[in-house]
Amino acid sequence: MAGFVVGLVVLLIFEGIMALTGFGQFGESNGWLAVILPVWLFTEEFRAEGFGAHRVLVAGLAGGFGVAAGMSLAGLVTMLAPPLVSGAVGAVTGTVVYCLIWFYGLRWLSHRSG
């Protein structure tokens, strides 16, 4: 979550600078950009897990469910908020879902396989 918060803060600073210089309105960039650091962390966690099919299976499921949940929630919020907010809601939802499935999925498969 720290990576998401840092990414969101950097995005907000970027948005503020762009709005102050007149290159756009505040809140018009895509909030999904805040997920760059969490994706980097997820990639490193995948590499650090070691060899085995269980990590590929869990990463695929976590990624699929995370993207589906994030896109669903972002789609609902799109009608009510600017792209920055709806993208950030989708990004945080996807991040949390991925983390939960990755953490508990790896442990569950580790106990099942031996």
Protein backbone atom coordinates (compact mmCIF):
# COMPACT_ATOMS: atom_id res chain seq x y z
CA MET A 1 0.00 0.00 0.00
CA ALA A 2 2.94 2.32 0.57
CA GLY A 3 3.86 2.06 -3.11
CA PHE A 4 0.32 2.97 -4.09
CA VAL A 5 0.29 5.98 -1.75
CA VAL A 6 3.65 7.21 -3.05
CA GLY A 7 2.46 6.78 -6.64
CA LEU A 8 -0.74 8.68 -5.88
CA VAL A 9 1.13 11.53 -4.18
CA VAL A 10 3.50 11.85 -7.15
CA LEU A 11 0.51 11.84 -9.50
CA LEU A 12 -1.24 14.55 -7.46
CA ILE A 13 1.91 16.70 -7.51
CA PHE A 14 2.15 16.22 -11.27
CA GLU A 15 -1.53 17.13 -11.65
CA GLY A 16 -1.05 20.26 -9.55
CA ILE A 17 1.93 21.41 -11.61
CA MET A 18 0.07 20.76 -14.86
CA ALA A 19 -2.97 22.68 -13.62
CA LEU A 20 -0.90 25.63 -12.39
CA THR A 21 0.99 25.93 -15.67
CA GLY A 22 -2.23 25.78 -17.69
CA PHE A 23 -1.56 22.52 -19.52
CA GLY A 24 -4.75 20.91 -18.24
CA GLN A 25 -7.37 20.82 -15.55
CA PHE A 26 -6.77 19.20 -12.20
CA GLY A 27 -8.12 15.65 -12.07
CA GLU A 28 -8.09 14.91 -15.78
CA SER A 29 -5.16 12.45 -15.87
CA ASN A 30 -5.67 8.76 -15.38
CA GLY A 31 -5.57 7.61 -11.75
CA TRP A 32 -4.41 4.16 -12.85
CA LEU A 33 -0.89 5.63 -13.06
CA ALA A 34 -0.72 5.31 -9.27
CA VAL A 35 -0.42 1.53 -9.65
CA ILE A 36 3.06 1.66 -11.25
CA LEU A 37 4.98 1.06 -8.00
CA PRO A 38 2.69 -1.75 -6.77
CA VAL A 39 3.06 -3.57 -10.11
CA TRP A 40 6.82 -3.27 -9.80
CA LEU A 41 6.62 -4.70 -6.28
CA PHE A 42 4.36 -7.54 -7.45
CA THR A 43 6.88 -8.40 -10.16
CA GLU A 44 9.71 -8.53 -7.61
CA GLU A 45 7.60 -10.65 -5.25
CA PHE A 46 6.89 -13.05 -8.12
CA ARG A 47 10.60 -13.36 -8.88
CA ALA A 48 11.51 -13.79 -5.21
CA GLU A 49 8.99 -16.59 -4.66
CA GLY A 50 11.21 -19.08 -6.43
CA PHE A 51 10.52 -21.70 -9.03
CA GLY A 52 7.21 -23.51 -9.25
CA ALA A 53 3.88 -23.64 -10.96
CA HIS A 54 2.08 -22.49 -7.82
CA ARG A 55 3.43 -18.96 -8.13
CA VAL A 56 2.32 -18.72 -11.78
CA LEU A 57 -1.15 -20.00 -10.92
CA VAL A 58 -1.59 -17.64 -7.97
CA ALA A 59 -0.19 -14.63 -9.86
CA GLY A 60 -2.54 -15.29 -12.77
CA LEU A 61 -5.58 -15.62 -10.53
CA ALA A 62 -4.61 -12.60 -8.42
CA GLY A 63 -3.97 -10.49 -11.51
CA GLY A 64 -7.23 -11.52 -13.14
CA PHE A 65 -9.37 -10.94 -10.09
CA GLY A 66 -7.52 -7.72 -9.23
CA VAL A 67 -8.01 -6.23 -12.68
CA ALA A 68 -11.65 -7.36 -12.82
CA ALA A 69 -12.48 -5.89 -9.41
CA GLY A 70 -10.56 -2.68 -10.10
CA MET A 71 -12.16 -2.14 -13.51
CA SER A 72 -15.63 -2.86 -12.12
CA LEU A 73 -15.32 -0.37 -9.30
CA ALA A 74 -13.65 2.23 -11.52
CA GLY A 75 -16.51 1.86 -14.00
CA LEU A 76 -19.06 2.52 -11.27
CA VAL A 77 -17.19 5.57 -9.97
CA THR A 78 -16.63 7.02 -13.48
CA MET A 79 -20.16 8.40 -13.55
CA LEU A 80 -19.60 10.33 -10.33
CA ALA A 81 -15.97 11.47 -10.37
CA PRO A 82 -13.18 12.67 -12.69
CA PRO A 83 -10.73 10.19 -14.25
CA LEU A 84 -8.14 10.77 -11.53
CA VAL A 85 -10.50 9.64 -8.78
CA SER A 86 -12.12 6.76 -10.66
CA GLY A 87 -8.73 5.44 -11.78
CA ALA A 88 -7.31 5.72 -8.27
CA VAL A 89 -10.31 3.83 -6.86
CA GLY A 90 -9.79 1.11 -9.45
CA ALA A 91 -6.06 0.99 -8.79
CA VAL A 92 -6.39 0.67 -5.02
CA THR A 93 -9.10 -1.98 -5.41
CA GLY A 94 -6.96 -3.99 -7.80
CA THR A 95 -3.93 -3.64 -5.54
CA VAL A 96 -5.77 -4.84 -2.43
CA VAL A 97 -7.42 -7.76 -4.24
CA TYR A 98 -4.10 -8.83 -5.77
CA CYS A 99 -2.32 -8.63 -2.40
CA LEU A 100 -4.94 -10.71 -0.62
CA ILE A 101 -5.07 -13.43 -3.26
CA TRP A 102 -1.28 -13.53 -3.61
CA PHE A 103 -0.67 -13.79 0.14
CA TYR A 104 -3.35 -16.30 1.03
CA GLY A 105 -3.17 -18.20 -2.26
CA LEU A 106 0.53 -18.93 -1.89
CA ARG A 107 0.09 -20.12 1.68
CA TRP A 108 -2.87 -22.30 0.81
CA LEU A 109 -1.08 -23.95 -2.10
CA SER A 110 2.08 -24.41 -0.02
CA HIS A 111 0.14 -26.31 2.65
CA ARG A 112 -1.66 -28.42 0.01
CA SER A 113 1.48 -29.43 -1.87
CA GLY A 114 3.60 -30.48 1.00
